[in-house]
Amino acid sequence: MRYRQLLLDLSGCQADLDNIQLVTSILDKTCQLLEVNAIKKFSHSYSPFGLSVVYVLAESHISYHSWPEHKTCNIDIFSCGRTGPEKIVKFLYESFQATGKREKYSERNVTEPIAVKE
């Protein structure tokens, strides 16, 4: 079985990256759009600023980390859901009112053994 992973770096964000209600609202909508189920949600606010939010999904995880002083946030989506994470980039870019983005995808295998090279 192969899982898709998205690493998304957003910059120039005009949204309030420290606003837990805003961020969780965006991540809740992300779960809805990806057709995945959040079973646990954790968050931590840093002083003087910065926020981390992690959603444990029935299908894997979503993590969010912000650096408001740099107008930057990083989002990691790892899922075996029916909808691939590439479908969500535009939504996240627009929701965080970003001016720049870098996205990286990978496929991860969870059923085939990994060969050890010596």
PDB file of N, CA and C in Angstrom:
ATOM      1  N   MET A   1       0.835  -1.174   0.000  1.00  0.00           N
ATOM      2  CA  MET A   1       0.000   0.000   0.000  1.00  0.00           C
ATOM      3  C   MET A   1       0.885   1.243   0.000  1.00  0.00           C
ATOM      4  N   ARG A   2       0.538   2.208  -0.816  1.00  0.00           N
ATOM      5  CA  ARG A   2       1.316   3.438  -0.908  1.00  0.00           C
ATOM      6  C   ARG A   2       0.514   4.612  -0.362  1.00  0.00           C
ATOM      7  N   TYR A   3       1.198   5.458   0.355  1.00  0.00           N
ATOM      8  CA  TYR A   3       0.604   6.650   0.938  1.00  0.00           C
ATOM      9  C   TYR A   3       1.234   7.876   0.299  1.00  0.00           C
ATOM     10  N   ARG A   4       0.444   8.926   0.131  1.00  0.00           N
ATOM     11  CA  ARG A   4       0.957  10.177  -0.425  1.00  0.00           C
ATOM     12  C   ARG A   4       1.250  11.148   0.710  1.00  0.00           C
ATOM     13  N   GLN A   5       2.347  11.872   0.572  1.00  0.00           N
ATOM     14  CA  GLN A   5       2.705  12.878   1.557  1.00  0.00           C
ATOM     15  C   GLN A   5       2.954  14.197   0.856  1.00  0.00           C
ATOM     16  N   LEU A   6       2.440  15.267   1.463  1.00  0.00           N
ATOM     17  CA  LEU A   6       2.659  16.628   0.981  1.00  0.00           C
ATOM     18  C   LEU A   6       3.382  17.404   2.062  1.00  0.00           C
ATOM     19  N   LEU A   7       4.473  18.052   1.693  1.00  0.00           N
ATOM     20  CA  LEU A   7       5.148  19.018   2.552  1.00  0.00           C
ATOM     21  C   LEU A   7       4.927  20.366   1.888  1.00  0.00           C
ATOM     22  N   LEU A   8       4.214  21.260   2.563  1.00  0.00           N
ATOM     23  CA  LEU A   8       3.845  22.547   1.992  1.00  0.00           C
ATOM     24  C   LEU A   8       4.387  23.676   2.851  1.00  0.00           C
ATOM     25  N   ASP A   9       5.198  24.532   2.255  1.00  0.00           N
ATOM     26  CA  ASP A   9       5.727  25.716   2.920  1.00  0.00           C
ATOM     27  C   ASP A   9       5.046  26.929   2.308  1.00  0.00           C
ATOM     28  N   LEU A  10       4.377  27.726   3.139  1.00  0.00           N
ATOM     29  CA  LEU A  10       3.703  28.930   2.670  1.00  0.00           C
ATOM     30  C   LEU A  10       4.409  30.144   3.233  1.00  0.00           C
ATOM     31  N   SER A  11       4.609  31.158   2.400  1.00  0.00           N
ATOM     32  CA  SER A  11       5.271  32.380   2.843  1.00  0.00           C
ATOM     33  C   SER A  11       4.432  33.599   2.473  1.00  0.00           C
ATOM     34  N   GLY A  12       4.770  34.728   3.085  1.00  0.00           N
ATOM     35  CA  GLY A  12       4.041  35.961   2.826  1.00  0.00           C
ATOM     36  C   GLY A  12       2.599  35.895   3.295  1.00  0.00           C
ATOM     37  N   CYS A  13       2.331  35.075   4.290  1.00  0.00           N
ATOM     38  CA  CYS A  13       0.950  34.851   4.755  1.00  0.00           C
ATOM     39  C   CYS A  13       0.398  36.097   5.441  1.00  0.00           C
ATOM     40  N   GLN A  14      -0.781  36.504   5.019  1.00  0.00           N
ATOM     41  CA  GLN A  14      -1.455  37.655   5.626  1.00  0.00           C
ATOM     42  C   GLN A  14      -2.455  37.222   6.697  1.00  0.00           C
ATOM     43  N   ALA A  15      -2.829  35.948   6.729  1.00  0.00           N
ATOM     44  CA  ALA A  15      -3.742  35.440   7.750  1.00  0.00           C
ATOM     45  C   ALA A  15      -3.034  35.445   9.107  1.00  0.00           C
ATOM     46  N   ASP A  16      -3.810  35.473  10.180  1.00  0.00           N
ATOM     47  CA  ASP A  16      -3.267  35.443  11.535  1.00  0.00           C
ATOM     48  C   ASP A  16      -2.816  34.015  11.849  1.00  0.00           C
ATOM     49  N   LEU A  17      -1.551  33.747  11.684  1.00  0.00           N
ATOM     50  CA  LEU A  17      -0.995  32.396  11.812  1.00  0.00           C
ATOM     51  C   LEU A  17      -0.998  31.874  13.244  1.00  0.00           C
ATOM     52  N   ASP A  18      -1.233  32.755  14.212  1.00  0.00           N
ATOM     53  CA  ASP A  18      -1.288  32.376  15.627  1.00  0.00           C
ATOM     54  C   ASP A  18      -2.713  32.163  16.122  1.00  0.00           C
ATOM     55  N   ASN A  19      -3.692  32.417  15.288  1.00  0.00           N
ATOM     56  CA  ASN A  19      -5.098  32.338  15.690  1.00  0.00           C
ATOM     57  C   ASN A  19      -5.557  30.882  15.645  1.00  0.00           C
ATOM     58  N   ILE A  20      -5.644  30.255  16.826  1.00  0.00           N
ATOM     59  CA  ILE A  20      -5.964  28.829  16.903  1.00  0.00           C
ATOM     60  C   ILE A  20      -7.323  28.527  16.291  1.00  0.00           C
ATOM     61  N   GLN A  21      -8.307  29.412  16.478  1.00  0.00           N
ATOM     62  CA  GLN A  21      -9.633  29.166  15.904  1.00  0.00           C
ATOM     63  C   GLN A  21      -9.575  29.200  14.381  1.00  0.00           C
ATOM     64  N   LEU A  22      -8.858  30.156  13.819  1.00  0.00           N
ATOM     65  CA  LEU A  22      -8.722  30.254  12.365  1.00  0.00           C
ATOM     66  C   LEU A  22      -7.992  29.023  11.815  1.00  0.00           C
ATOM     67  N   VAL A  23      -6.874  28.679  12.423  1.00  0.00           N
ATOM     68  CA  VAL A  23      -6.058  27.560  11.932  1.00  0.00           C
ATOM     69  C   VAL A  23      -6.830  26.247  12.019  1.00  0.00           C
ATOM     70  N   THR A  24      -7.494  25.990  13.145  1.00  0.00           N
ATOM     71  CA  THR A  24      -8.236  24.733  13.259  1.00  0.00           C
ATOM     72  C   THR A  24      -9.438  24.714  12.310  1.00  0.00           C
ATOM     73  N   SER A  25     -10.021  25.870  12.055  1.00  0.00           N
ATOM     74  CA  SER A  25     -11.110  25.935  11.078  1.00  0.00           C
ATOM     75  C   SER A  25     -10.607  25.544   9.686  1.00  0.00           C
ATOM     76  N   ILE A  26      -9.441  26.045   9.314  1.00  0.00           N
ATOM     77  CA  ILE A  26      -8.837  25.708   8.021  1.00  0.00           C
ATOM     78  C   ILE A  26      -8.464  24.229   7.975  1.00  0.00           C
ATOM     79  N   LEU A  27      -7.893  23.712   9.055  1.00  0.00           N
ATOM     80  CA  LEU A  27      -7.513  22.296   9.074  1.00  0.00           C
ATOM     81  C   LEU A  27      -8.735  21.382   9.097  1.00  0.00           C
ATOM     82  N   ASP A  28      -9.801  21.808   9.778  1.00  0.00           N
ATOM     83  CA  ASP A  28     -11.048  21.029   9.753  1.00  0.00           C
ATOM     84  C   ASP A  28     -11.585  20.941   8.325  1.00  0.00           C
ATOM     85  N   LYS A  29     -11.572  22.076   7.616  1.00  0.00           N
ATOM     86  CA  LYS A  29     -12.043  22.097   6.228  1.00  0.00           C
ATOM     87  C   LYS A  29     -11.126  21.247   5.348  1.00  0.00           C
ATOM     88  N   THR A  30      -9.828  21.268   5.631  1.00  0.00           N
ATOM     89  CA  THR A  30      -8.864  20.433   4.909  1.00  0.00           C
ATOM     90  C   THR A  30      -9.240  18.960   5.045  1.00  0.00           C
ATOM     91  N   CYS A  31      -9.559  18.535   6.266  1.00  0.00           N
ATOM     92  CA  CYS A  31      -9.969  17.145   6.490  1.00  0.00           C
ATOM     93  C   CYS A  31     -11.224  16.819   5.689  1.00  0.00           C
ATOM     94  N   GLN A  32     -12.156  17.741   5.693  1.00  0.00           N
ATOM     95  CA  GLN A  32     -13.402  17.541   4.948  1.00  0.00           C
ATOM     96  C   GLN A  32     -13.122  17.377   3.454  1.00  0.00           C
ATOM     97  N   LEU A  33     -12.297  18.260   2.902  1.00  0.00           N
ATOM     98  CA  LEU A  33     -11.980  18.207   1.476  1.00  0.00           C
ATOM     99  C   LEU A  33     -11.201  16.957   1.097  1.00  0.00           C
ATOM    100  N   LEU A  34     -10.354  16.493   1.996  1.00  0.00           N
ATOM    101  CA  LEU A  34      -9.562  15.287   1.742  1.00  0.00           C
ATOM    102  C   LEU A  34     -10.318  13.999   2.075  1.00  0.00           C
ATOM    103  N   GLU A  35     -11.488  14.150   2.687  1.00  0.00           N
ATOM    104  CA  GLU A  35     -12.299  12.995   3.083  1.00  0.00           C
ATOM    105  C   GLU A  35     -11.541  12.100   4.060  1.00  0.00           C
ATOM    106  N   VAL A  36     -10.958  12.744   5.085  1.00  0.00           N
ATOM    107  CA  VAL A  36     -10.255  12.019   6.141  1.00  0.00           C
ATOM    108  C   VAL A  36     -10.893  12.374   7.477  1.00  0.00           C
ATOM    109  N   ASN A  37     -10.589  11.579   8.496  1.00  0.00           N
ATOM    110  CA  ASN A  37     -11.227  11.721   9.803  1.00  0.00           C
ATOM    111  C   ASN A  37     -10.213  12.021  10.890  1.00  0.00           C
ATOM    112  N   ALA A  38     -10.340  13.193  11.508  1.00  0.00           N
ATOM    113  CA  ALA A  38      -9.479  13.556  12.633  1.00  0.00           C
ATOM    114  C   ALA A  38      -9.991  12.847  13.877  1.00  0.00           C
ATOM    115  N   ILE A  39      -9.105  12.100  14.537  1.00  0.00           N
ATOM    116  CA  ILE A  39      -9.524  11.404  15.752  1.00  0.00           C
ATOM    117  C   ILE A  39      -8.947  12.056  17.008  1.00  0.00           C
ATOM    118  N   LYS A  40      -7.892  12.838  16.867  1.00  0.00           N
ATOM    119  CA  LYS A  40      -7.308  13.606  17.970  1.00  0.00           C
ATOM    120  C   LYS A  40      -6.736  14.896  17.410  1.00  0.00           C
ATOM    121  N   LYS A  41      -6.844  15.982  18.185  1.00  0.00           N
ATOM    122  CA  LYS A  41      -6.292  17.273  17.787  1.00  0.00           C
ATOM    123  C   LYS A  41      -5.486  17.826  18.960  1.00  0.00           C
ATOM    124  N   PHE A  42      -4.274  18.236  18.666  1.00  0.00           N
ATOM    125  CA  PHE A  42      -3.390  18.798  19.685  1.00  0.00           C
ATOM    126  C   PHE A  42      -2.893  20.151  19.195  1.00  0.00           C
ATOM    127  N   SER A  43      -2.679  21.076  20.121  1.00  0.00           N
ATOM    128  CA  SER A  43      -2.097  22.360  19.734  1.00  0.00           C
ATOM    129  C   SER A  43      -1.212  22.876  20.855  1.00  0.00           C
ATOM    130  N   HIS A  44      -0.275  23.713  20.456  1.00  0.00           N
ATOM    131  CA  HIS A  44       0.604  24.365  21.421  1.00  0.00           C
ATOM    132  C   HIS A  44       0.946  25.760  20.899  1.00  0.00           C
ATOM    133  N   SER A  45       0.715  26.772  21.730  1.00  0.00           N
ATOM    134  CA  SER A  45       1.089  28.150  21.399  1.00  0.00           C
ATOM    135  C   SER A  45       2.422  28.449  22.064  1.00  0.00           C
ATOM    136  N   TYR A  46       3.312  29.078  21.308  1.00  0.00           N
ATOM    137  CA  TYR A  46       4.631  29.432  21.816  1.00  0.00           C
ATOM    138  C   TYR A  46       4.651  30.897  22.234  1.00  0.00           C
ATOM    139  N   SER A  47       5.593  31.249  23.097  1.00  0.00           N
ATOM    140  CA  SER A  47       5.740  32.625  23.538  1.00  0.00           C
ATOM    141  C   SER A  47       7.042  33.178  22.977  1.00  0.00           C
ATOM    142  N   PRO A  48       7.046  34.331  22.354  1.00  0.00           N
ATOM    143  CA  PRO A  48       5.935  35.282  22.264  1.00  0.00           C
ATOM    144  C   PRO A  48       4.965  34.990  21.117  1.00  0.00           C
ATOM    145  N   PHE A  49       5.350  34.154  20.160  1.00  0.00           N
ATOM    146  CA  PHE A  49       4.433  33.816  19.071  1.00  0.00           C
ATOM    147  C   PHE A  49       4.873  32.518  18.429  1.00  0.00           C
ATOM    148  N   GLY A  50       3.968  31.953  17.643  1.00  0.00           N
ATOM    149  CA  GLY A  50       4.189  30.660  17.004  1.00  0.00           C
ATOM    150  C   GLY A  50       3.133  29.680  17.474  1.00  0.00           C
ATOM    151  N   LEU A  51       2.756  28.798  16.596  1.00  0.00           N
ATOM    152  CA  LEU A  51       1.699  27.840  16.899  1.00  0.00           C
ATOM    153  C   LEU A  51       2.005  26.525  16.193  1.00  0.00           C
ATOM    154  N   SER A  52       1.789  25.426  16.894  1.00  0.00           N
ATOM    155  CA  SER A  52       1.855  24.093  16.297  1.00  0.00           C
ATOM    156  C   SER A  52       0.524  23.408  16.535  1.00  0.00           C
ATOM    157  N   VAL A  53       0.024  22.760  15.498  1.00  0.00           N
ATOM    158  CA  VAL A  53      -1.231  22.007  15.592  1.00  0.00           C
ATOM    159  C   VAL A  53      -1.000  20.671  14.902  1.00  0.00           C
ATOM    160  N   VAL A  54      -1.412  19.596  15.549  1.00  0.00           N
ATOM    161  CA  VAL A  54      -1.284  18.265  14.971  1.00  0.00           C
ATOM    162  C   VAL A  54      -2.649  17.594  15.028  1.00  0.00           C
ATOM    163  N   TYR A  55      -3.060  17.066  13.883  1.00  0.00           N
ATOM    164  CA  TYR A  55      -4.276  16.257  13.803  1.00  0.00           C
ATOM    165  C   TYR A  55      -3.836  14.816  13.568  1.00  0.00           C
ATOM    166  N   VAL A  56      -4.215  13.936  14.472  1.00  0.00           N
ATOM    167  CA  VAL A  56      -4.023  12.516  14.243  1.00  0.00           C
ATOM    168  C   VAL A  56      -5.268  12.058  13.491  1.00  0.00           C
ATOM    169  N   LEU A  57      -5.054  11.498  12.324  1.00  0.00           N
ATOM    170  CA  LEU A  57      -6.154  11.057  11.480  1.00  0.00           C
ATOM    171  C   LEU A  57      -6.319   9.548  11.564  1.00  0.00           C
ATOM    172  N   ALA A  58      -7.510   9.080  11.299  1.00  0.00           N
ATOM    173  CA  ALA A  58      -7.706   7.642  11.139  1.00  0.00           C
ATOM    174  C   ALA A  58      -6.845   7.161   9.971  1.00  0.00           C
ATOM    175  N   GLU A  59      -6.538   8.087   9.051  1.00  0.00           N
ATOM    176  CA  GLU A  59      -5.767   7.772   7.849  1.00  0.00           C
ATOM    177  C   GLU A  59      -4.302   8.222   7.927  1.00  0.00           C
ATOM    178  N   SER A  60      -3.845   8.818   9.010  1.00  0.00           N
ATOM    179  CA  SER A  60      -2.462   9.192   9.291  1.00  0.00           C
ATOM    180  C   SER A  60      -2.389  10.511  10.051  1.00  0.00           C
ATOM    181  N   HIS A  61      -1.839  11.619   9.453  1.00  0.00           N
ATOM    182  CA  HIS A  61      -1.724  12.860  10.226  1.00  0.00           C
ATOM    183  C   HIS A  61      -1.657  14.109   9.353  1.00  0.00           C
ATOM    184  N   ILE A  62      -1.928  15.241  10.007  1.00  0.00           N
ATOM    185  CA  ILE A  62      -1.686  16.573   9.447  1.00  0.00           C
ATOM    186  C   ILE A  62      -0.971  17.356  10.536  1.00  0.00           C
ATOM    187  N   SER A  63       0.103  18.047  10.179  1.00  0.00           N
ATOM    188  CA  SER A  63       0.757  18.927  11.154  1.00  0.00           C
ATOM    189  C   SER A  63       0.905  20.327  10.564  1.00  0.00           C
ATOM    190  N   TYR A  64       0.849  21.313  11.444  1.00  0.00           N
ATOM    191  CA  TYR A  64       0.943  22.727  11.085  1.00  0.00           C
ATOM    192  C   TYR A  64       1.904  23.384  12.061  1.00  0.00           C
ATOM    193  N   HIS A  65       2.821  24.181  11.546  1.00  0.00           N
ATOM    194  CA  HIS A  65       3.749  24.936  12.383  1.00  0.00           C
ATOM    195  C   HIS A  65       3.879  26.329  11.790  1.00  0.00           C
ATOM    196  N   SER A  66       3.823  27.354  12.652  1.00  0.00           N
ATOM    197  CA  SER A  66       3.882  28.729  12.136  1.00  0.00           C
ATOM    198  C   SER A  66       5.036  29.513  12.734  1.00  0.00           C
ATOM    199  N   TRP A  67       5.488  30.463  11.936  1.00  0.00           N
ATOM    200  CA  TRP A  67       6.474  31.456  12.319  1.00  0.00           C
ATOM    201  C   TRP A  67       5.888  32.811  11.908  1.00  0.00           C
ATOM    202  N   PRO A  68       4.958  33.343  12.717  1.00  0.00           N
ATOM    203  CA  PRO A  68       4.270  34.589  12.344  1.00  0.00           C
ATOM    204  C   PRO A  68       5.223  35.753  12.094  1.00  0.00           C
ATOM    205  N   GLU A  69       6.329  35.790  12.809  1.00  0.00           N
ATOM    206  CA  GLU A  69       7.288  36.880  12.623  1.00  0.00           C
ATOM    207  C   GLU A  69       7.899  36.865  11.230  1.00  0.00           C
ATOM    208  N   HIS A  70       7.807  35.734  10.550  1.00  0.00           N
ATOM    209  CA  HIS A  70       8.297  35.604   9.179  1.00  0.00           C
ATOM    210  C   HIS A  70       7.161  35.416   8.174  1.00  0.00           C
ATOM    211  N   LYS A  71       5.903  35.479   8.678  1.00  0.00           N
ATOM    212  CA  LYS A  71       4.710  35.289   7.838  1.00  0.00           C
ATOM    213  C   LYS A  71       4.757  33.953   7.102  1.00  0.00           C
ATOM    214  N   THR A  72       5.232  32.934   7.816  1.00  0.00           N
ATOM    215  CA  THR A  72       5.464  31.619   7.235  1.00  0.00           C
ATOM    216  C   THR A  72       4.775  30.528   8.044  1.00  0.00           C
ATOM    217  N   CYS A  73       4.246  29.533   7.334  1.00  0.00           N
ATOM    218  CA  CYS A  73       3.769  28.326   8.002  1.00  0.00           C
ATOM    219  C   CYS A  73       4.122  27.114   7.152  1.00  0.00           C
ATOM    220  N   ASN A  74       4.266  25.990   7.824  1.00  0.00           N
ATOM    221  CA  ASN A  74       4.592  24.728   7.169  1.00  0.00           C
ATOM    222  C   ASN A  74       3.524  23.714   7.522  1.00  0.00           C
ATOM    223  N   ILE A  75       3.056  23.002   6.518  1.00  0.00           N
ATOM    224  CA  ILE A  75       1.993  22.026   6.696  1.00  0.00           C
ATOM    225  C   ILE A  75       2.450  20.702   6.092  1.00  0.00           C
ATOM    226  N   ASP A  76       2.265  19.628   6.850  1.00  0.00           N
ATOM    227  CA  ASP A  76       2.614  18.281   6.417  1.00  0.00           C
ATOM    228  C   ASP A  76       1.333  17.463   6.426  1.00  0.00           C
ATOM    229  N   ILE A  77       0.990  16.883   5.290  1.00  0.00           N
ATOM    230  CA  ILE A  77      -0.186  16.012   5.195  1.00  0.00           C
ATOM    231  C   ILE A  77       0.286  14.643   4.720  1.00  0.00           C
ATOM    232  N   PHE A  78       0.060  13.636   5.554  1.00  0.00           N
ATOM    233  CA  PHE A  78       0.428  12.268   5.223  1.00  0.00           C
ATOM    234  C   PHE A  78      -0.832  11.437   5.360  1.00  0.00           C
ATOM    235  N   SER A  79      -1.290  10.839   4.265  1.00  0.00           N
ATOM    236  CA  SER A  79      -2.599  10.210   4.297  1.00  0.00           C
ATOM    237  C   SER A  79      -2.737   9.074   3.296  1.00  0.00           C
ATOM    238  N   CYS A  80      -3.585   8.138   3.667  1.00  0.00           N
ATOM    239  CA  CYS A  80      -3.999   7.091   2.739  1.00  0.00           C
ATOM    240  C   CYS A  80      -5.448   7.313   2.323  1.00  0.00           C
ATOM    241  N   GLY A  81      -5.927   8.541   2.514  1.00  0.00           N
ATOM    242  CA  GLY A  81      -7.295   8.878   2.142  1.00  0.00           C
ATOM    243  C   GLY A  81      -7.529   8.737   0.644  1.00  0.00           C
ATOM    244  N   ARG A  82      -8.789   8.775   0.271  1.00  0.00           N
ATOM    245  CA  ARG A  82      -9.160   8.606  -1.138  1.00  0.00           C
ATOM    246  C   ARG A  82      -8.742   9.782  -1.999  1.00  0.00           C
ATOM    247  N   THR A  83      -8.669  10.963  -1.406  1.00  0.00           N
ATOM    248  CA  THR A  83      -8.308  12.163  -2.158  1.00  0.00           C
ATOM    249  C   THR A  83      -6.847  12.491  -1.880  1.00  0.00           C
ATOM    250  N   GLY A  84      -6.039  12.635  -2.933  1.00  0.00           N
ATOM    251  CA  GLY A  84      -4.615  12.939  -2.777  1.00  0.00           C
ATOM    252  C   GLY A  84      -4.397  14.342  -2.248  1.00  0.00           C
ATOM    253  N   PRO A  85      -3.313  14.570  -1.489  1.00  0.00           N
ATOM    254  CA  PRO A  85      -3.059  15.875  -0.878  1.00  0.00           C
ATOM    255  C   PRO A  85      -2.799  16.991  -1.885  1.00  0.00           C
ATOM    256  N   GLU A  86      -2.447  16.649  -3.133  1.00  0.00           N
ATOM    257  CA  GLU A  86      -2.202  17.695  -4.127  1.00  0.00           C
ATOM    258  C   GLU A  86      -3.468  18.495  -4.413  1.00  0.00           C
ATOM    259  N   LYS A  87      -4.622  17.950  -4.096  1.00  0.00           N
ATOM    260  CA  LYS A  87      -5.904  18.617  -4.337  1.00  0.00           C
ATOM    261  C   LYS A  87      -6.155  19.766  -3.361  1.00  0.00           C
ATOM    262  N   ILE A  88      -5.369  19.870  -2.304  1.00  0.00           N
ATOM    263  CA  ILE A  88      -5.643  20.815  -1.229  1.00  0.00           C
ATOM    264  C   ILE A  88      -4.744  22.053  -1.246  1.00  0.00           C
ATOM    265  N   VAL A  89      -3.711  22.066  -2.073  1.00  0.00           N
ATOM    266  CA  VAL A  89      -2.717  23.146  -2.060  1.00  0.00           C
ATOM    267  C   VAL A  89      -3.353  24.512  -2.308  1.00  0.00           C
ATOM    268  N   LYS A  90      -4.169  24.630  -3.327  1.00  0.00           N
ATOM    269  CA  LYS A  90      -4.792  25.925  -3.645  1.00  0.00           C
ATOM    270  C   LYS A  90      -5.644  26.417  -2.475  1.00  0.00           C
ATOM    271  N   PHE A  91      -6.421  25.522  -1.877  1.00  0.00           N
ATOM    272  CA  PHE A  91      -7.250  25.893  -0.725  1.00  0.00           C
ATOM    273  C   PHE A  91      -6.395  26.444   0.411  1.00  0.00           C
ATOM    274  N   LEU A  92      -5.310  25.764   0.761  1.00  0.00           N
ATOM    275  CA  LEU A  92      -4.448  26.210   1.855  1.00  0.00           C
ATOM    276  C   LEU A  92      -3.753  27.529   1.514  1.00  0.00           C
ATOM    277  N   TYR A  93      -3.260  27.638   0.289  1.00  0.00           N
ATOM    278  CA  TYR A  93      -2.598  28.867  -0.178  1.00  0.00           C
ATOM    279  C   TYR A  93      -3.542  30.058  -0.025  1.00  0.00           C
ATOM    280  N   GLU A  94      -4.770  29.899  -0.474  1.00  0.00           N
ATOM    281  CA  GLU A  94      -5.744  30.986  -0.394  1.00  0.00           C
ATOM    282  C   GLU A  94      -6.204  31.234   1.036  1.00  0.00           C
ATOM    283  N   SER A  95      -6.400  30.179   1.819  1.00  0.00           N
ATOM    284  CA  SER A  95      -6.878  30.328   3.197  1.00  0.00           C
ATOM    285  C   SER A  95      -5.895  31.079   4.078  1.00  0.00           C
ATOM    286  N   PHE A  96      -4.607  30.834   3.884  1.00  0.00           N
ATOM    287  CA  PHE A  96      -3.596  31.526   4.681  1.00  0.00           C
ATOM    288  C   PHE A  96      -3.134  32.820   4.002  1.00  0.00           C
ATOM    289  N   GLN A  97      -3.769  33.160   2.882  1.00  0.00           N
ATOM    290  CA  GLN A  97      -3.473  34.396   2.149  1.00  0.00           C
ATOM    291  C   GLN A  97      -1.974  34.523   1.884  1.00  0.00           C
ATOM    292  N   ALA A  98      -1.411  33.446   1.348  1.00  0.00           N
ATOM    293  CA  ALA A  98       0.032  33.384   1.096  1.00  0.00           C
ATOM    294  C   ALA A  98       0.370  34.058  -0.235  1.00  0.00           C
ATOM    295  N   THR A  99       1.610  34.499  -0.339  1.00  0.00           N
ATOM    296  CA  THR A  99       2.108  35.054  -1.601  1.00  0.00           C
ATOM    297  C   THR A  99       3.137  34.129  -2.240  1.00  0.00           C
ATOM    298  N   GLY A 100       3.596  33.133  -1.480  1.00  0.00           N
ATOM    299  CA  GLY A 100       4.568  32.186  -2.017  1.00  0.00           C
ATOM    300  C   GLY A 100       4.312  30.804  -1.463  1.00  0.00           C
ATOM    301  N   LYS A 101       4.722  29.800  -2.233  1.00  0.00           N
ATOM    302  CA  LYS A 101       4.560  28.425  -1.757  1.00  0.00           C
ATOM    303  C   LYS A 101       5.644  27.539  -2.348  1.00  0.00           C
ATOM    304  N   ARG A 102       5.966  26.511  -1.591  1.00  0.00           N
ATOM    305  CA  ARG A 102       6.852  25.456  -2.069  1.00  0.00           C
ATOM    306  C   ARG A 102       6.185  24.157  -1.643  1.00  0.00           C
ATOM    307  N   GLU A 103       5.981  23.275  -2.594  1.00  0.00           N
ATOM    308  CA  GLU A 103       5.333  22.010  -2.278  1.00  0.00           C
ATOM    309  C   GLU A 103       6.211  20.851  -2.720  1.00  0.00           C
ATOM    310  N   LYS A 104       6.230  19.834  -1.898  1.00  0.00           N
ATOM    311  CA  LYS A 104       7.017  18.643  -2.204  1.00  0.00           C
ATOM    312  C   LYS A 104       6.140  17.431  -1.896  1.00  0.00           C
ATOM    313  N   TYR A 105       6.120  16.501  -2.824  1.00  0.00           N
ATOM    314  CA  TYR A 105       5.315  15.292  -2.665  1.00  0.00           C
ATOM    315  C   TYR A 105       6.228  14.076  -2.593  1.00  0.00           C
ATOM    316  N   SER A 106       5.766  13.105  -1.863  1.00  0.00           N
ATOM    317  CA  SER A 106       6.461  11.826  -1.892  1.00  0.00           C
ATOM    318  C   SER A 106       5.437  10.723  -1.711  1.00  0.00           C
ATOM    319  N   GLU A 107       5.785   9.560  -2.228  1.00  0.00           N
ATOM    320  CA  GLU A 107       4.983   8.370  -2.004  1.00  0.00           C
ATOM    321  C   GLU A 107       5.728   7.534  -1.006  1.00  0.00           C
ATOM    322  N   ARG A 108       4.991   7.032  -0.027  1.00  0.00           N
ATOM    323  CA  ARG A 108       5.623   6.210   0.988  1.00  0.00           C
ATOM    324  C   ARG A 108       4.960   4.855   0.993  1.00  0.00           C
ATOM    325  N   ASN A 109       5.769   3.849   1.152  1.00  0.00           N
ATOM    326  CA  ASN A 109       5.316   2.471   1.093  1.00  0.00           C
ATOM    327  C   ASN A 109       5.290   1.907   2.509  1.00  0.00           C
ATOM    328  N   VAL A 110       4.184   1.293   2.873  1.00  0.00           N
ATOM    329  CA  VAL A 110       4.104   0.740   4.218  1.00  0.00           C
ATOM    330  C   VAL A 110       4.004  -0.780   4.249  1.00  0.00           C
ATOM    331  N   THR A 111       3.985  -1.416   3.084  1.00  0.00           N
ATOM    332  CA  THR A 111       3.817  -2.872   3.084  1.00  0.00           C
ATOM    333  C   THR A 111       5.001  -3.640   2.532  1.00  0.00           C
ATOM    334  N   GLU A 112       5.844  -2.981   1.747  1.00  0.00           N
ATOM    335  CA  GLU A 112       6.999  -3.681   1.174  1.00  0.00           C
ATOM    336  C   GLU A 112       8.216  -3.479   2.064  1.00  0.00           C
ATOM    337  N   PRO A 113       9.007  -4.529   2.270  1.00  0.00           N
ATOM    338  CA  PRO A 113      10.196  -4.356   3.099  1.00  0.00           C
ATOM    339  C   PRO A 113      11.205  -3.421   2.427  1.00  0.00           C
ATOM    340  N   ILE A 114      11.954  -2.725   3.236  1.00  0.00           N
ATOM    341  CA  ILE A 114      12.992  -1.833   2.732  1.00  0.00           C
ATOM    342  C   ILE A 114      14.302  -2.600   2.753  1.00  0.00           C
ATOM    343  N   ALA A 115      14.967  -2.637   1.615  1.00  0.00           N
ATOM    344  CA  ALA A 115      16.231  -3.367   1.509  1.00  0.00           C
ATOM    345  C   ALA A 115      17.329  -2.611   2.257  1.00  0.00           C
ATOM    346  N   VAL A 116      18.134  -3.336   2.968  1.00  0.00           N
ATOM    347  CA  VAL A 116      19.262  -2.760   3.692  1.00  0.00           C
ATOM    348  C   VAL A 116      20.480  -2.847   2.802  1.00  0.00           C
ATOM    349  N   LYS A 117      21.144  -1.708   2.593  1.00  0.00           N
ATOM    350  CA  LYS A 117      22.382  -1.685   1.791  1.00  0.00           C
ATOM    351  C   LYS A 117      23.561  -1.630   2.744  1.00  0.00           C
ATOM    352  N   GLU A 118      24.535  -2.448   2.435  1.00  0.00           N
ATOM    353  CA  GLU A 118      25.730  -2.467   3.301  1.00  0.00           C
ATOM    354  C   GLU A 118      26.906  -1.915   2.557  1.00  0.00           C
TER     355      GLU A 118
END
